[in-house]
Amino acid sequence: MNRRNKWLAGIAMGVMLASGGAFAAVNVNALHIALTSLKLALAKMGVANAMLSNPTPPATNAEAHLAAPGQLSGEEISSILVSAGGVINVYLSPAVGVTGGIVQLVPRVVTDKQGKRGVRYTCYSPNIPDVATAEPDCTYHASAK
């Protein structure tokens, strides 16, 4: 690499580090693994089952018949917490490259043409601007400050 290219690469790296945002640091592969993990699939199933069998969505892991948040952890996930409305909050570990990274799955009950009910999730992150790079079905929605 010639001197000019090294200089440009250094500037680019400096800009990425100075931004301090999740955009520059996210490990796309680790985030994808987190969002396709068996533990998250189990959380989605627990919330869906609770929503389809009760008039009120679960507001806690216990109401969704899930283990405690910290017990649903792994290399890419610090914890999975069910909150009001059955929202699944996935707290990402440092392996994903984002300090305090969060992905939220918002459930809603849907009915198909045959009248069968199911649950669909809308995926978004309040603090990972490039979440769609790892998961095209997820979007970034900046958190209100």
N, C-alpha and C. Protein backbone atom coordinates (compact mmCIF):
# COMPACT_ATOMS: atom_id res chain seq x y z
N MET A 1 0.85 -1.16 0.00
CA MET A 1 0.00 0.00 0.00
C MET A 1 0.90 1.23 0.00
N ASN A 2 0.64 2.14 -0.92
CA ASN A 2 1.50 3.31 -0.98
C ASN A 2 1.15 4.30 0.13
N ARG A 3 1.98 5.29 0.27
CA ARG A 3 1.84 6.25 1.36
C ARG A 3 0.51 6.99 1.31
N ARG A 4 0.09 7.39 0.10
CA ARG A 4 -1.17 8.13 -0.05
C ARG A 4 -2.35 7.26 0.39
N ASN A 5 -2.37 6.00 -0.03
CA ASN A 5 -3.46 5.10 0.35
C ASN A 5 -3.48 4.84 1.85
N LYS A 6 -2.29 4.72 2.45
CA LYS A 6 -2.23 4.54 3.91
C LYS A 6 -2.80 5.77 4.61
N TRP A 7 -2.45 6.94 4.09
CA TRP A 7 -2.94 8.18 4.68
C TRP A 7 -4.46 8.25 4.57
N LEU A 8 -5.01 7.93 3.39
CA LEU A 8 -6.47 7.95 3.21
C LEU A 8 -7.15 6.91 4.09
N ALA A 9 -6.56 5.73 4.19
CA ALA A 9 -7.12 4.70 5.05
C ALA A 9 -7.11 5.16 6.51
N GLY A 10 -6.05 5.83 6.91
CA GLY A 10 -5.96 6.35 8.28
C GLY A 10 -7.03 7.39 8.55
N ILE A 11 -7.25 8.27 7.58
CA ILE A 11 -8.30 9.28 7.75
C ILE A 11 -9.67 8.61 7.84
N ALA A 12 -9.93 7.65 6.95
CA ALA A 12 -11.21 6.95 6.97
C ALA A 12 -11.43 6.25 8.31
N MET A 13 -10.39 5.59 8.82
CA MET A 13 -10.50 4.91 10.11
C MET A 13 -10.74 5.92 11.23
N GLY A 14 -10.07 7.04 11.18
CA GLY A 14 -10.26 8.08 12.18
C GLY A 14 -11.67 8.62 12.18
N VAL A 15 -12.23 8.82 10.99
CA VAL A 15 -13.61 9.31 10.89
C VAL A 15 -14.56 8.28 11.48
N MET A 16 -14.34 7.00 11.17
CA MET A 16 -15.21 5.96 11.71
C MET A 16 -15.13 5.91 13.23
N LEU A 17 -13.93 5.98 13.77
CA LEU A 17 -13.77 5.94 15.22
C LEU A 17 -14.33 7.19 15.88
N ALA A 18 -14.15 8.33 15.25
CA ALA A 18 -14.65 9.58 15.82
C ALA A 18 -16.16 9.63 15.84
N SER A 19 -16.78 8.94 14.89
CA SER A 19 -18.25 8.97 14.86
C SER A 19 -18.83 8.35 16.12
N GLY A 20 -18.12 7.36 16.68
CA GLY A 20 -18.55 6.77 17.94
C GLY A 20 -19.88 6.06 17.86
N GLY A 21 -20.50 6.01 16.71
CA GLY A 21 -21.80 5.40 16.58
C GLY A 21 -21.72 3.92 16.31
N ALA A 22 -22.88 3.29 16.38
CA ALA A 22 -22.96 1.87 16.12
C ALA A 22 -22.66 1.57 14.66
N PHE A 23 -22.87 2.51 13.79
CA PHE A 23 -22.71 2.28 12.36
C PHE A 23 -21.32 1.78 12.02
N ALA A 24 -20.31 2.33 12.64
CA ALA A 24 -18.95 1.97 12.28
C ALA A 24 -18.50 0.66 12.92
N ALA A 25 -19.12 0.26 14.01
CA ALA A 25 -18.57 -0.83 14.80
C ALA A 25 -19.31 -2.15 14.69
N VAL A 26 -20.47 -2.18 14.11
CA VAL A 26 -21.28 -3.39 14.14
C VAL A 26 -20.62 -4.54 13.38
N ASN A 27 -20.63 -5.71 14.01
CA ASN A 27 -20.15 -6.93 13.39
C ASN A 27 -21.37 -7.60 12.77
N VAL A 28 -21.53 -7.45 11.47
CA VAL A 28 -22.72 -7.88 10.75
C VAL A 28 -22.97 -9.38 10.95
N ASN A 29 -21.94 -10.19 10.89
CA ASN A 29 -22.12 -11.64 11.05
C ASN A 29 -22.61 -11.99 12.45
N ALA A 30 -22.04 -11.37 13.47
CA ALA A 30 -22.46 -11.65 14.84
C ALA A 30 -23.89 -11.18 15.08
N LEU A 31 -24.26 -10.02 14.51
CA LEU A 31 -25.63 -9.53 14.66
C LEU A 31 -26.60 -10.47 13.96
N HIS A 32 -26.26 -10.96 12.79
CA HIS A 32 -27.11 -11.91 12.08
C HIS A 32 -27.29 -13.19 12.90
N ILE A 33 -26.21 -13.68 13.48
CA ILE A 33 -26.30 -14.88 14.31
C ILE A 33 -27.21 -14.64 15.50
N ALA A 34 -27.10 -13.48 16.14
CA ALA A 34 -27.95 -13.16 17.28
C ALA A 34 -29.42 -13.15 16.89
N LEU A 35 -29.72 -12.57 15.73
CA LEU A 35 -31.12 -12.42 15.34
C LEU A 35 -31.72 -13.68 14.72
N THR A 36 -30.90 -14.69 14.49
CA THR A 36 -31.41 -15.97 13.99
C THR A 36 -31.15 -17.10 14.99
N SER A 37 -30.86 -16.73 16.23
CA SER A 37 -30.51 -17.73 17.24
C SER A 37 -31.73 -18.52 17.71
N LEU A 38 -31.47 -19.71 18.19
CA LEU A 38 -32.51 -20.55 18.73
C LEU A 38 -33.15 -19.90 19.96
N LYS A 39 -32.35 -19.24 20.78
CA LYS A 39 -32.89 -18.60 21.99
C LYS A 39 -33.90 -17.52 21.62
N LEU A 40 -33.60 -16.74 20.58
CA LEU A 40 -34.55 -15.71 20.16
C LEU A 40 -35.79 -16.36 19.55
N ALA A 41 -35.61 -17.44 18.81
CA ALA A 41 -36.76 -18.16 18.24
C ALA A 41 -37.68 -18.67 19.35
N LEU A 42 -37.09 -19.18 20.43
CA LEU A 42 -37.89 -19.64 21.56
C LEU A 42 -38.66 -18.49 22.21
N ALA A 43 -38.01 -17.32 22.31
CA ALA A 43 -38.68 -16.16 22.88
C ALA A 43 -39.86 -15.74 22.00
N LYS A 44 -39.66 -15.75 20.70
CA LYS A 44 -40.75 -15.39 19.78
C LYS A 44 -41.91 -16.38 19.89
N MET A 45 -41.58 -17.66 20.01
CA MET A 45 -42.64 -18.66 20.16
C MET A 45 -43.39 -18.48 21.48
N GLY A 46 -42.65 -18.21 22.55
CA GLY A 46 -43.30 -18.00 23.85
C GLY A 46 -44.25 -16.81 23.84
N VAL A 47 -43.81 -15.71 23.25
CA VAL A 47 -44.67 -14.52 23.17
C VAL A 47 -45.87 -14.81 22.28
N ALA A 48 -45.65 -15.45 21.14
CA ALA A 48 -46.76 -15.76 20.22
C ALA A 48 -47.79 -16.66 20.90
N ASN A 49 -47.33 -17.71 21.57
CA ASN A 49 -48.27 -18.61 22.26
C ASN A 49 -49.06 -17.86 23.32
N ALA A 50 -48.40 -17.00 24.08
CA ALA A 50 -49.10 -16.23 25.11
C ALA A 50 -50.11 -15.27 24.50
N MET A 51 -49.74 -14.63 23.39
CA MET A 51 -50.65 -13.68 22.76
C MET A 51 -51.87 -14.37 22.15
N LEU A 52 -51.69 -15.56 21.63
CA LEU A 52 -52.80 -16.26 21.00
C LEU A 52 -53.72 -16.97 21.99
N SER A 53 -53.24 -17.15 23.21
CA SER A 53 -54.06 -17.85 24.21
C SER A 53 -54.60 -16.94 25.30
N ASN A 54 -54.20 -15.68 25.32
CA ASN A 54 -54.66 -14.74 26.35
C ASN A 54 -55.09 -13.44 25.69
N PRO A 55 -56.04 -12.75 26.30
CA PRO A 55 -56.47 -11.47 25.73
C PRO A 55 -55.43 -10.35 25.89
N THR A 56 -54.55 -10.51 26.87
CA THR A 56 -53.53 -9.49 27.14
C THR A 56 -52.15 -10.04 26.77
N PRO A 57 -51.38 -9.28 25.97
CA PRO A 57 -50.04 -9.77 25.63
C PRO A 57 -49.15 -9.87 26.87
N PRO A 58 -48.16 -10.75 26.84
CA PRO A 58 -47.27 -10.87 28.00
C PRO A 58 -46.45 -9.59 28.19
N ALA A 59 -46.13 -9.30 29.43
CA ALA A 59 -45.33 -8.12 29.74
C ALA A 59 -44.02 -8.50 30.43
N THR A 60 -43.82 -9.78 30.65
CA THR A 60 -42.59 -10.26 31.30
C THR A 60 -42.19 -11.60 30.67
N ASN A 61 -40.98 -12.00 30.95
CA ASN A 61 -40.53 -13.31 30.49
C ASN A 61 -41.39 -14.41 31.12
N ALA A 62 -41.71 -14.26 32.39
CA ALA A 62 -42.51 -15.28 33.07
C ALA A 62 -43.89 -15.43 32.42
N GLU A 63 -44.51 -14.31 32.05
CA GLU A 63 -45.83 -14.37 31.40
C GLU A 63 -45.75 -15.04 30.03
N ALA A 64 -44.59 -15.00 29.39
CA ALA A 64 -44.39 -15.67 28.10
C ALA A 64 -43.83 -17.07 28.29
N HIS A 65 -43.75 -17.53 29.55
CA HIS A 65 -43.22 -18.85 29.90
C HIS A 65 -41.78 -19.02 29.41
N LEU A 66 -40.99 -17.98 29.65
CA LEU A 66 -39.57 -17.99 29.27
C LEU A 66 -38.70 -17.92 30.51
N ALA A 67 -37.46 -18.33 30.34
CA ALA A 67 -36.47 -18.22 31.41
C ALA A 67 -36.20 -16.74 31.70
N ALA A 68 -35.53 -16.47 32.78
CA ALA A 68 -35.15 -15.10 33.15
C ALA A 68 -34.29 -14.51 32.03
N PRO A 69 -34.33 -13.18 31.87
CA PRO A 69 -33.60 -12.53 30.78
C PRO A 69 -32.14 -12.93 30.67
N GLY A 70 -31.42 -12.97 31.77
CA GLY A 70 -30.01 -13.30 31.75
C GLY A 70 -29.72 -14.76 31.39
N GLN A 71 -30.72 -15.62 31.56
CA GLN A 71 -30.54 -17.02 31.21
C GLN A 71 -30.70 -17.26 29.71
N LEU A 72 -31.20 -16.26 29.00
CA LEU A 72 -31.35 -16.35 27.55
C LEU A 72 -30.21 -15.59 26.90
N SER A 73 -29.01 -15.96 27.25
CA SER A 73 -27.83 -15.27 26.74
C SER A 73 -26.95 -16.23 25.97
N GLY A 74 -26.00 -15.66 25.28
CA GLY A 74 -25.06 -16.45 24.51
C GLY A 74 -23.90 -15.56 24.11
N GLU A 75 -23.13 -16.00 23.15
CA GLU A 75 -21.97 -15.22 22.75
C GLU A 75 -22.36 -13.87 22.16
N GLU A 76 -23.46 -13.81 21.41
CA GLU A 76 -23.87 -12.57 20.75
C GLU A 76 -24.97 -11.83 21.51
N ILE A 77 -25.65 -12.50 22.44
CA ILE A 77 -26.78 -11.92 23.15
C ILE A 77 -26.47 -11.86 24.65
N SER A 78 -26.65 -10.67 25.24
CA SER A 78 -26.48 -10.53 26.69
C SER A 78 -27.71 -11.00 27.43
N SER A 79 -28.90 -10.63 26.91
CA SER A 79 -30.15 -11.06 27.52
C SER A 79 -31.30 -10.79 26.56
N ILE A 80 -32.42 -11.46 26.83
CA ILE A 80 -33.65 -11.25 26.08
C ILE A 80 -34.74 -10.96 27.10
N LEU A 81 -35.37 -9.82 26.97
CA LEU A 81 -36.36 -9.36 27.94
C LEU A 81 -37.68 -9.06 27.25
N VAL A 82 -38.76 -9.67 27.73
CA VAL A 82 -40.09 -9.37 27.22
C VAL A 82 -40.65 -8.22 28.05
N SER A 83 -41.17 -7.20 27.35
CA SER A 83 -41.74 -6.03 28.04
C SER A 83 -43.19 -5.82 27.61
N ALA A 84 -43.80 -4.76 28.08
CA ALA A 84 -45.21 -4.47 27.82
C ALA A 84 -45.57 -4.65 26.35
N GLY A 85 -46.72 -5.23 26.12
CA GLY A 85 -47.19 -5.46 24.76
C GLY A 85 -46.55 -6.66 24.09
N GLY A 86 -45.75 -7.42 24.84
CA GLY A 86 -45.07 -8.58 24.27
C GLY A 86 -43.82 -8.23 23.48
N VAL A 87 -43.37 -6.98 23.58
CA VAL A 87 -42.17 -6.55 22.86
C VAL A 87 -40.97 -7.33 23.38
N ILE A 88 -40.21 -7.90 22.45
CA ILE A 88 -39.02 -8.66 22.80
C ILE A 88 -37.81 -7.76 22.61
N ASN A 89 -37.10 -7.49 23.68
CA ASN A 89 -35.91 -6.66 23.66
C ASN A 89 -34.69 -7.56 23.69
N VAL A 90 -33.89 -7.50 22.64
CA VAL A 90 -32.68 -8.32 22.54
C VAL A 90 -31.50 -7.40 22.84
N TYR A 91 -30.85 -7.63 23.97
CA TYR A 91 -29.69 -6.85 24.37
C TYR A 91 -28.45 -7.58 23.87
N LEU A 92 -27.71 -6.94 23.01
CA LEU A 92 -26.58 -7.58 22.35
C LEU A 92 -25.31 -7.50 23.18
N SER A 93 -24.48 -8.50 23.04
CA SER A 93 -23.21 -8.55 23.77
C SER A 93 -22.15 -7.75 23.01
N PRO A 94 -21.03 -7.48 23.65
CA PRO A 94 -19.94 -6.77 22.97
C PRO A 94 -19.43 -7.50 21.72
N ALA A 95 -19.68 -8.80 21.59
CA ALA A 95 -19.23 -9.55 20.40
C ALA A 95 -19.84 -8.99 19.12
N VAL A 96 -20.98 -8.32 19.25
CA VAL A 96 -21.64 -7.73 18.08
C VAL A 96 -20.95 -6.43 17.69
N GLY A 97 -20.13 -5.90 18.58
CA GLY A 97 -19.38 -4.70 18.27
C GLY A 97 -20.10 -3.41 18.56
N VAL A 98 -21.22 -3.48 19.26
CA VAL A 98 -22.00 -2.28 19.58
C VAL A 98 -22.21 -2.23 21.08
N THR A 99 -21.69 -1.23 21.72
CA THR A 99 -21.90 -1.09 23.15
C THR A 99 -23.36 -0.72 23.41
N GLY A 100 -24.03 -1.55 24.19
CA GLY A 100 -25.43 -1.28 24.51
C GLY A 100 -26.38 -1.48 23.34
N GLY A 101 -26.01 -2.31 22.38
CA GLY A 101 -26.87 -2.53 21.21
C GLY A 101 -28.17 -3.22 21.58
N ILE A 102 -29.25 -2.73 20.99
CA ILE A 102 -30.58 -3.28 21.26
C ILE A 102 -31.30 -3.50 19.93
N VAL A 103 -31.98 -4.63 19.84
CA VAL A 103 -32.90 -4.90 18.74
C VAL A 103 -34.23 -5.26 19.39
N GLN A 104 -35.31 -4.67 18.88
CA GLN A 104 -36.62 -4.93 19.44
C GLN A 104 -37.52 -5.58 18.40
N LEU A 105 -38.29 -6.56 18.85
CA LEU A 105 -39.26 -7.24 18.00
C LEU A 105 -40.64 -6.93 18.55
N VAL A 106 -41.44 -6.24 17.77
CA VAL A 106 -42.77 -5.82 18.20
C VAL A 106 -43.80 -6.76 17.57
N PRO A 107 -44.55 -7.50 18.41
CA PRO A 107 -45.50 -8.48 17.87
C PRO A 107 -46.86 -7.86 17.55
N ARG A 108 -47.54 -8.50 16.60
CA ARG A 108 -48.94 -8.14 16.35
C ARG A 108 -49.65 -9.40 15.86
N VAL A 109 -50.88 -9.56 16.28
CA VAL A 109 -51.68 -10.70 15.87
C VAL A 109 -52.24 -10.41 14.49
N VAL A 110 -52.11 -11.39 13.59
CA VAL A 110 -52.63 -11.27 12.24
C VAL A 110 -53.54 -12.46 11.96
N THR A 111 -54.47 -12.28 11.03
CA THR A 111 -55.37 -13.35 10.62
C THR A 111 -55.23 -13.53 9.12
N ASP A 112 -55.01 -14.79 8.70
CA ASP A 112 -54.84 -15.04 7.26
C ASP A 112 -56.21 -15.19 6.58
N LYS A 113 -56.20 -15.44 5.30
CA LYS A 113 -57.44 -15.51 4.51
C LYS A 113 -58.35 -16.66 4.94
N GLN A 114 -57.77 -17.69 5.54
CA GLN A 114 -58.57 -18.82 6.02
C GLN A 114 -59.06 -18.61 7.46
N GLY A 115 -58.76 -17.46 8.05
CA GLY A 115 -59.20 -17.15 9.40
C GLY A 115 -58.27 -17.65 10.49
N LYS A 116 -57.11 -18.18 10.10
CA LYS A 116 -56.15 -18.67 11.09
C LYS A 116 -55.34 -17.50 11.65
N ARG A 117 -55.25 -17.45 12.97
CA ARG A 117 -54.51 -16.37 13.63
C ARG A 117 -53.05 -16.77 13.83
N GLY A 118 -52.19 -15.78 13.76
CA GLY A 118 -50.76 -15.97 14.00
C GLY A 118 -50.17 -14.67 14.51
N VAL A 119 -48.89 -14.69 14.77
CA VAL A 119 -48.20 -13.50 15.26
C VAL A 119 -47.06 -13.17 14.31
N ARG A 120 -46.97 -11.91 13.92
CA ARG A 120 -45.86 -11.41 13.10
C ARG A 120 -45.11 -10.37 13.91
N TYR A 121 -43.82 -10.29 13.63
CA TYR A 121 -42.96 -9.37 14.37
C TYR A 121 -42.40 -8.30 13.44
N THR A 122 -42.37 -7.08 13.94
CA THR A 122 -41.68 -5.99 13.27
C THR A 122 -40.37 -5.80 14.02
N CYS A 123 -39.28 -5.81 13.29
CA CYS A 123 -37.95 -5.73 13.88
C CYS A 123 -37.36 -4.35 13.66
N TYR A 124 -36.85 -3.75 14.73
CA TYR A 124 -36.15 -2.48 14.59
C TYR A 124 -35.12 -2.32 15.69
N SER A 125 -34.24 -1.37 15.49
CA SER A 125 -33.24 -1.05 16.50
C SER A 125 -33.26 0.45 16.75
N PRO A 126 -33.24 0.84 18.02
CA PRO A 126 -33.19 2.27 18.34
C PRO A 126 -31.77 2.84 18.34
N ASN A 127 -30.74 1.94 18.22
CA ASN A 127 -29.38 2.47 18.31
C ASN A 127 -28.36 1.78 17.40
N ILE A 128 -28.82 1.06 16.39
CA ILE A 128 -27.91 0.46 15.42
C ILE A 128 -28.36 0.92 14.03
N PRO A 129 -27.81 2.02 13.55
CA PRO A 129 -28.26 2.59 12.27
C PRO A 129 -28.18 1.63 11.09
N ASP A 130 -27.21 0.74 11.07
CA ASP A 130 -27.07 -0.17 9.93
C ASP A 130 -27.58 -1.57 10.23
N VAL A 131 -28.59 -1.70 11.07
CA VAL A 131 -29.14 -3.01 11.42
C VAL A 131 -29.63 -3.75 10.18
N ALA A 132 -30.13 -3.04 9.19
CA ALA A 132 -30.64 -3.69 7.97
C ALA A 132 -29.53 -4.36 7.16
N THR A 133 -28.29 -3.99 7.40
CA THR A 133 -27.17 -4.65 6.73
C THR A 133 -27.09 -6.11 7.15
N ALA A 134 -27.36 -6.38 8.42
CA ALA A 134 -27.32 -7.75 8.94
C ALA A 134 -28.66 -8.44 8.74
N GLU A 135 -29.74 -7.71 8.89
CA GLU A 135 -31.08 -8.27 8.77
C GLU A 135 -31.94 -7.32 7.95
N PRO A 136 -32.15 -7.62 6.69
CA PRO A 136 -32.93 -6.72 5.81
C PRO A 136 -34.33 -6.41 6.30
N ASP A 137 -34.92 -7.31 7.12
CA ASP A 137 -36.27 -7.07 7.63
C ASP A 137 -36.29 -6.14 8.84
N CYS A 138 -35.12 -5.74 9.32
CA CYS A 138 -35.04 -4.84 10.46
C CYS A 138 -34.77 -3.41 9.97
N THR A 139 -35.30 -2.45 10.71
CA THR A 139 -35.07 -1.05 10.38
C THR A 139 -34.55 -0.31 11.60
N TYR A 140 -33.94 0.82 11.31
CA TYR A 140 -33.42 1.69 12.36
C TYR A 140 -34.45 2.76 12.65
N HIS A 141 -34.80 2.93 13.91
CA HIS A 141 -35.67 4.00 14.38
C HIS A 141 -34.96 4.63 15.56
N ALA A 142 -34.41 5.82 15.35
CA ALA A 142 -33.67 6.49 16.41
C ALA A 142 -34.55 6.67 17.64
N SER A 143 -33.97 6.41 18.80
CA SER A 143 -34.71 6.58 20.04
C SER A 143 -34.86 8.06 20.35
N ALA A 144 -36.01 8.41 20.90
CA ALA A 144 -36.24 9.81 21.29
C ALA A 144 -35.42 10.12 22.53
N LYS A 145 -34.78 11.27 22.53
CA LYS A 145 -33.94 11.63 23.69
C LYS A 145 -34.52 12.80 24.42
